[in-house]
Amino acid sequence: MIIGDTRPRRGLWNLVGVSALYRREVMRFFKISGQTFVAPVVTALLFLAIFNLAFSGEGRSMGDVPFVDFLVPGLTLMAVMTASYANASFSLMFEKIVQTIVDTLVPPLTPAELTAGYVLASTTRGILVGIMVFIGMAIFTPIHIHSIGFILFHAIAASMLLSLFGLITAIWAEKIDHVASINNFVILPLTFLSGTFYSTKHLPDAFQTVAHLNPFFYMIDGFRYGFLGLHDGSLITGIILLTTANAILWIACMKMFASGYKLKS
């Protein structure tokens, strides 16, 4: 191997290149730590305060769980998903706008390695934001943990899914408005209609069926089960769906990088 060559022998991964891309992306969002970490915590606490003030006197609950406690998992995962999508989509989109994407495409990185670098960095941001939101809400309301395994799986799976979706959006988009439009008209509606603020068991049967077609529902439902032991849908279906969706989107990202779709023109 030539000195300075970062390509691995025998087709192994270019760990040097992937770790460099990962570190670059992580350092980028740490430079704006106020926007990265403080803003989501403030937003989640505002939601928590509003619902607490609105319903605390009504004795609202979901089964035996106080309504405010019911909200904590949904608000936490919503922050995780929003942060993951924003990091992946706006990072790559910014490179396209200022025409520095060539600096990422020229180094000896395969499509799989490029996907891994961006997605792992965005997933890291999503998980860190989730931890910060969780700590912020734990100050004001008691936190219950039923299954740490379900919490970790659904947090990582949801963060990766939104990171991959954000990356695909950024590759497809031609301007920043396209990225924002997908967030406003796809991500937010699916999040709000996924059971973040309510139990789908209280919906009419027809609307329950529609809600269970929403993949975001299974993220929230499984994540909430990890905290409270409550779930509205099939946990096994959710695990299979999230695993399959992540695999499909990962392959799609690799193919888009490999073809240079809207990246090399």
Foldseek 3Di string as FASTA:
>chain_A
DDPPAQDDPPPDASPVLLVVLQVVLLVVCVVVVCVLAVVLLVVLVVVLVVCCVVCVVVQDADVPHGLSQLLLLLSLLLQLLVQLLCSQQVVLLVCLVVVVLCVSLVRPHALLSSLSSQLVNSLVSSVVNSVSNNVSVCVPDPWAFDAVVLQVLLSSLSSSLSNLVSNVQNLPDPHPVSSVCCCVPPVVVLSVLLQSNHALVPPPPVSSVVSVVRLNNLSSQSNSCRTPVDGRDDVVVNSVVSVVSSVVSSVVSSVCSVVCRSNPD
